[in-house]
Amino acid sequence: MEKMIYILGIRLEIRILLLESYIRQGIRQKISRRQFWLGVSCDQERRKKRLV
């Protein structure tokens, strides 16, 4: 049980690091905030469709 929690914790950390680097790249490329939020909302819509 503890091992599973440990693995999940590592996965979460990797995801956060990936997200941080993605955001930094976005700032470097000066992607407009609107495009970024459109991408985020698209991801949320896809998740909703999966749940249904």
PDB file of N, CA and C in Angstrom:
ATOM      1  N   MET A   1       0.834  -1.205   0.000  1.00  0.00           N
ATOM      2  CA  MET A   1       0.000   0.000   0.000  1.00  0.00           C
ATOM      3  C   MET A   1       0.871   1.259   0.000  1.00  0.00           C
ATOM      4  N   GLU A   2       1.875   1.270   0.880  1.00  0.00           N
ATOM      5  CA  GLU A   2       2.749   2.449   0.957  1.00  0.00           C
ATOM      6  C   GLU A   2       3.504   2.664  -0.348  1.00  0.00           C
ATOM      7  N   LYS A   3       3.892   1.539  -0.971  1.00  0.00           N
ATOM      8  CA  LYS A   3       4.629   1.629  -2.233  1.00  0.00           C
ATOM      9  C   LYS A   3       3.783   2.332  -3.287  1.00  0.00           C
ATOM     10  N   MET A   4       2.487   1.978  -3.342  1.00  0.00           N
ATOM     11  CA  MET A   4       1.583   2.550  -4.342  1.00  0.00           C
ATOM     12  C   MET A   4       1.469   4.057  -4.142  1.00  0.00           C
ATOM     13  N   ILE A   5       1.302   4.476  -2.892  1.00  0.00           N
ATOM     14  CA  ILE A   5       1.196   5.905  -2.580  1.00  0.00           C
ATOM     15  C   ILE A   5       2.477   6.618  -2.999  1.00  0.00           C
ATOM     16  N   TYR A   6       3.616   5.981  -2.744  1.00  0.00           N
ATOM     17  CA  TYR A   6       4.913   6.551  -3.104  1.00  0.00           C
ATOM     18  C   TYR A   6       5.014   6.750  -4.615  1.00  0.00           C
ATOM     19  N   ILE A   7       4.593   5.726  -5.371  1.00  0.00           N
ATOM     20  CA  ILE A   7       4.638   5.807  -6.841  1.00  0.00           C
ATOM     21  C   ILE A   7       3.707   6.913  -7.332  1.00  0.00           C
ATOM     22  N   LEU A   8       2.512   6.990  -6.758  1.00  0.00           N
ATOM     23  CA  LEU A   8       1.561   8.034  -7.155  1.00  0.00           C
ATOM     24  C   LEU A   8       2.141   9.419  -6.860  1.00  0.00           C
ATOM     25  N   GLY A   9       2.830   9.539  -5.739  1.00  0.00           N
ATOM     26  CA  GLY A   9       3.452  10.809  -5.377  1.00  0.00           C
ATOM     27  C   GLY A   9       4.506  11.223  -6.395  1.00  0.00           C
ATOM     28  N   ILE A  10       5.319  10.268  -6.842  1.00  0.00           N
ATOM     29  CA  ILE A  10       6.346  10.551  -7.849  1.00  0.00           C
ATOM     30  C   ILE A  10       5.679  10.984  -9.151  1.00  0.00           C
ATOM     31  N   ARG A  11       4.610  10.268  -9.540  1.00  0.00           N
ATOM     32  CA  ARG A  11       3.900  10.614 -10.773  1.00  0.00           C
ATOM     33  C   ARG A  11       3.371  12.034 -10.709  1.00  0.00           C
ATOM     34  N   LEU A  12       2.828  12.406  -9.564  1.00  0.00           N
ATOM     35  CA  LEU A  12       2.275  13.748  -9.384  1.00  0.00           C
ATOM     36  C   LEU A  12       3.377  14.791  -9.517  1.00  0.00           C
ATOM     37  N   GLU A  13       4.531  14.520  -8.907  1.00  0.00           N
ATOM     38  CA  GLU A  13       5.657  15.455  -8.995  1.00  0.00           C
ATOM     39  C   GLU A  13       6.102  15.646 -10.434  1.00  0.00           C
ATOM     40  N   ILE A  14       6.170  14.529 -11.181  1.00  0.00           N
ATOM     41  CA  ILE A  14       6.587  14.608 -12.592  1.00  0.00           C
ATOM     42  C   ILE A  14       5.596  15.461 -13.371  1.00  0.00           C
ATOM     43  N   ARG A  15       4.294  15.259 -13.106  1.00  0.00           N
ATOM     44  CA  ARG A  15       3.268  16.039 -13.801  1.00  0.00           C
ATOM     45  C   ARG A  15       3.417  17.520 -13.516  1.00  0.00           C
ATOM     46  N   ILE A  16       3.679  17.862 -12.254  1.00  0.00           N
ATOM     47  CA  ILE A  16       3.841  19.268 -11.873  1.00  0.00           C
ATOM     48  C   ILE A  16       5.059  19.862 -12.573  1.00  0.00           C
ATOM     49  N   LEU A  17       6.156  19.111 -12.621  1.00  0.00           N
ATOM     50  CA  LEU A  17       7.368  19.593 -13.295  1.00  0.00           C
ATOM     51  C   LEU A  17       7.105  19.814 -14.776  1.00  0.00           C
ATOM     52  N   LEU A  18       6.383  18.879 -15.406  1.00  0.00           N
ATOM     53  CA  LEU A  18       6.056  19.009 -16.828  1.00  0.00           C
ATOM     54  C   LEU A  18       5.205  20.251 -17.049  1.00  0.00           C
ATOM     55  N   LEU A  19       4.235  20.460 -16.165  1.00  0.00           N
ATOM     56  CA  LEU A  19       3.350  21.619 -16.283  1.00  0.00           C
ATOM     57  C   LEU A  19       4.154  22.910 -16.149  1.00  0.00           C
ATOM     58  N   GLU A  20       5.076  22.940 -15.187  1.00  0.00           N
ATOM     59  CA  GLU A  20       5.900  24.140 -14.984  1.00  0.00           C
ATOM     60  C   GLU A  20       6.746  24.444 -16.217  1.00  0.00           C
ATOM     61  N   SER A  21       7.373  23.411 -16.789  1.00  0.00           N
ATOM     62  CA  SER A  21       8.215  23.642 -17.969  1.00  0.00           C
ATOM     63  C   SER A  21       7.342  24.063 -19.156  1.00  0.00           C
ATOM     64  N   TYR A  22       6.141  23.508 -19.252  1.00  0.00           N
ATOM     65  CA  TYR A  22       5.214  23.865 -20.326  1.00  0.00           C
ATOM     66  C   TYR A  22       4.832  25.341 -20.220  1.00  0.00           C
ATOM     67  N   ILE A  23       4.557  25.780 -18.989  1.00  0.00           N
ATOM     68  CA  ILE A  23       4.188  27.181 -18.774  1.00  0.00           C
ATOM     69  C   ILE A  23       5.369  28.097 -19.104  1.00  0.00           C
ATOM     70  N   ARG A  24       6.574  27.697 -18.690  1.00  0.00           N
ATOM     71  CA  ARG A  24       7.760  28.515 -18.984  1.00  0.00           C
ATOM     72  C   ARG A  24       7.974  28.644 -20.483  1.00  0.00           C
ATOM     73  N   GLN A  25       7.804  27.530 -21.215  1.00  0.00           N
ATOM     74  CA  GLN A  25       7.944  27.570 -22.677  1.00  0.00           C
ATOM     75  C   GLN A  25       6.895  28.499 -23.263  1.00  0.00           C
ATOM     76  N   GLY A  26       5.680  28.435 -22.716  1.00  0.00           N
ATOM     77  CA  GLY A  26       4.589  29.284 -23.188  1.00  0.00           C
ATOM     78  C   GLY A  26       4.936  30.753 -23.009  1.00  0.00           C
ATOM     79  N   ILE A  27       5.548  31.084 -21.867  1.00  0.00           N
ATOM     80  CA  ILE A  27       5.932  32.471 -21.604  1.00  0.00           C
ATOM     81  C   ILE A  27       7.022  32.887 -22.594  1.00  0.00           C
ATOM     82  N   ARG A  28       7.960  31.980 -22.848  1.00  0.00           N
ATOM     83  CA  ARG A  28       9.041  32.285 -23.785  1.00  0.00           C
ATOM     84  C   ARG A  28       8.496  32.548 -25.178  1.00  0.00           C
ATOM     85  N   GLN A  29       7.557  31.718 -25.594  1.00  0.00           N
ATOM     86  CA  GLN A  29       6.985  31.869 -26.928  1.00  0.00           C
ATOM     87  C   GLN A  29       5.929  32.971 -26.973  1.00  0.00           C
ATOM     88  N   LYS A  30       5.620  33.516 -25.792  1.00  0.00           N
ATOM     89  CA  LYS A  30       4.627  34.587 -25.668  1.00  0.00           C
ATOM     90  C   LYS A  30       3.286  34.187 -26.281  1.00  0.00           C
ATOM     91  N   ILE A  31       2.853  32.984 -25.913  1.00  0.00           N
ATOM     92  CA  ILE A  31       1.529  32.530 -26.336  1.00  0.00           C
ATOM     93  C   ILE A  31       0.514  33.381 -25.573  1.00  0.00           C
ATOM     94  N   SER A  32      -0.480  33.862 -26.292  1.00  0.00           N
ATOM     95  CA  SER A  32      -1.471  34.706 -25.643  1.00  0.00           C
ATOM     96  C   SER A  32      -2.240  33.899 -24.603  1.00  0.00           C
ATOM     97  N   ARG A  33      -2.671  34.584 -23.557  1.00  0.00           N
ATOM     98  CA  ARG A  33      -3.386  33.910 -22.484  1.00  0.00           C
ATOM     99  C   ARG A  33      -4.678  33.288 -23.001  1.00  0.00           C
ATOM    100  N   ARG A  34      -5.288  33.951 -23.960  1.00  0.00           N
ATOM    101  CA  ARG A  34      -6.551  33.440 -24.485  1.00  0.00           C
ATOM    102  C   ARG A  34      -6.354  32.059 -25.114  1.00  0.00           C
ATOM    103  N   GLN A  35      -5.285  31.915 -25.902  1.00  0.00           N
ATOM    104  CA  GLN A  35      -4.992  30.616 -26.526  1.00  0.00           C
ATOM    105  C   GLN A  35      -4.746  29.555 -25.463  1.00  0.00           C
ATOM    106  N   PHE A  36      -4.020  29.932 -24.423  1.00  0.00           N
ATOM    107  CA  PHE A  36      -3.713  28.993 -23.342  1.00  0.00           C
ATOM    108  C   PHE A  36      -5.001  28.512 -22.681  1.00  0.00           C
ATOM    109  N   TRP A  37      -5.889  29.470 -22.360  1.00  0.00           N
ATOM    110  CA  TRP A  37      -7.139  29.094 -21.686  1.00  0.00           C
ATOM    111  C   TRP A  37      -8.057  28.313 -22.615  1.00  0.00           C
ATOM    112  N   LEU A  38      -8.018  28.617 -23.909  1.00  0.00           N
ATOM    113  CA  LEU A  38      -8.810  27.837 -24.875  1.00  0.00           C
ATOM    114  C   LEU A  38      -8.336  26.386 -24.859  1.00  0.00           C
ATOM    115  N   GLY A  39      -7.018  26.206 -24.810  1.00  0.00           N
ATOM    116  CA  GLY A  39      -6.458  24.857 -24.744  1.00  0.00           C
ATOM    117  C   GLY A  39      -6.900  24.140 -23.480  1.00  0.00           C
ATOM    118  N   VAL A  40      -6.885  24.868 -22.357  1.00  0.00           N
ATOM    119  CA  VAL A  40      -7.287  24.275 -21.081  1.00  0.00           C
ATOM    120  C   VAL A  40      -8.759  23.877 -21.136  1.00  0.00           C
ATOM    121  N   SER A  41      -9.609  24.763 -21.660  1.00  0.00           N
ATOM    122  CA  SER A  41     -11.041  24.450 -21.704  1.00  0.00           C
ATOM    123  C   SER A  41     -11.319  23.296 -22.664  1.00  0.00           C
ATOM    124  N   CYS A  42     -10.525  23.195 -23.740  1.00  0.00           N
ATOM    125  CA  CYS A  42     -10.677  22.067 -24.665  1.00  0.00           C
ATOM    126  C   CYS A  42     -10.381  20.759 -23.949  1.00  0.00           C
ATOM    127  N   ASP A  43      -9.325  20.753 -23.127  1.00  0.00           N
ATOM    128  CA  ASP A  43      -8.973  19.561 -22.367  1.00  0.00           C
ATOM    129  C   ASP A  43     -10.099  19.183 -21.416  1.00  0.00           C
ATOM    130  N   GLN A  44     -10.709  20.181 -20.780  1.00  0.00           N
ATOM    131  CA  GLN A  44     -11.804  19.920 -19.840  1.00  0.00           C
ATOM    132  C   GLN A  44     -13.006  19.340 -20.574  1.00  0.00           C
ATOM    133  N   GLU A  45     -13.294  19.854 -21.761  1.00  0.00           N
ATOM    134  CA  GLU A  45     -14.423  19.338 -22.551  1.00  0.00           C
ATOM    135  C   GLU A  45     -14.177  17.868 -22.905  1.00  0.00           C
ATOM    136  N   ARG A  46     -12.942  17.538 -23.294  1.00  0.00           N
ATOM    137  CA  ARG A  46     -12.608  16.155 -23.643  1.00  0.00           C
ATOM    138  C   ARG A  46     -12.797  15.243 -22.447  1.00  0.00           C
ATOM    139  N   ARG A  47     -12.393  15.732 -21.261  1.00  0.00           N
ATOM    140  CA  ARG A  47     -12.545  14.917 -20.056  1.00  0.00           C
ATOM    141  C   ARG A  47     -14.018  14.669 -19.765  1.00  0.00           C
ATOM    142  N   LYS A  48     -14.846  15.711 -19.939  1.00  0.00           N
ATOM    143  CA  LYS A  48     -16.283  15.562 -19.689  1.00  0.00           C
ATOM    144  C   LYS A  48     -16.867  14.504 -20.616  1.00  0.00           C
ATOM    145  N   LYS A  49     -16.456  14.534 -21.883  1.00  0.00           N
ATOM    146  CA  LYS A  49     -16.966  13.558 -22.851  1.00  0.00           C
ATOM    147  C   LYS A  49     -16.562  12.143 -22.456  1.00  0.00           C
ATOM    148  N   ARG A  50     -15.343  12.007 -21.915  1.00  0.00           N
ATOM    149  CA  ARG A  50     -14.880  10.687 -21.490  1.00  0.00           C
ATOM    150  C   ARG A  50     -15.707  10.167 -20.323  1.00  0.00           C
ATOM    151  N   LEU A  51     -16.052  11.078 -19.406  1.00  0.00           N
ATOM    152  CA  LEU A  51     -16.812  10.674 -18.218  1.00  0.00           C
ATOM    153  C   LEU A  51     -18.232  10.262 -18.582  1.00  0.00           C
ATOM    154  N   VAL A  52     -18.799  10.912 -19.583  1.00  0.00           N
ATOM    155  CA  VAL A  52     -20.194  10.614 -19.965  1.00  0.00           C
ATOM    156  C   VAL A  52     -20.268   9.222 -20.601  1.00  0.00           C
TER     157      VAL A  52
END
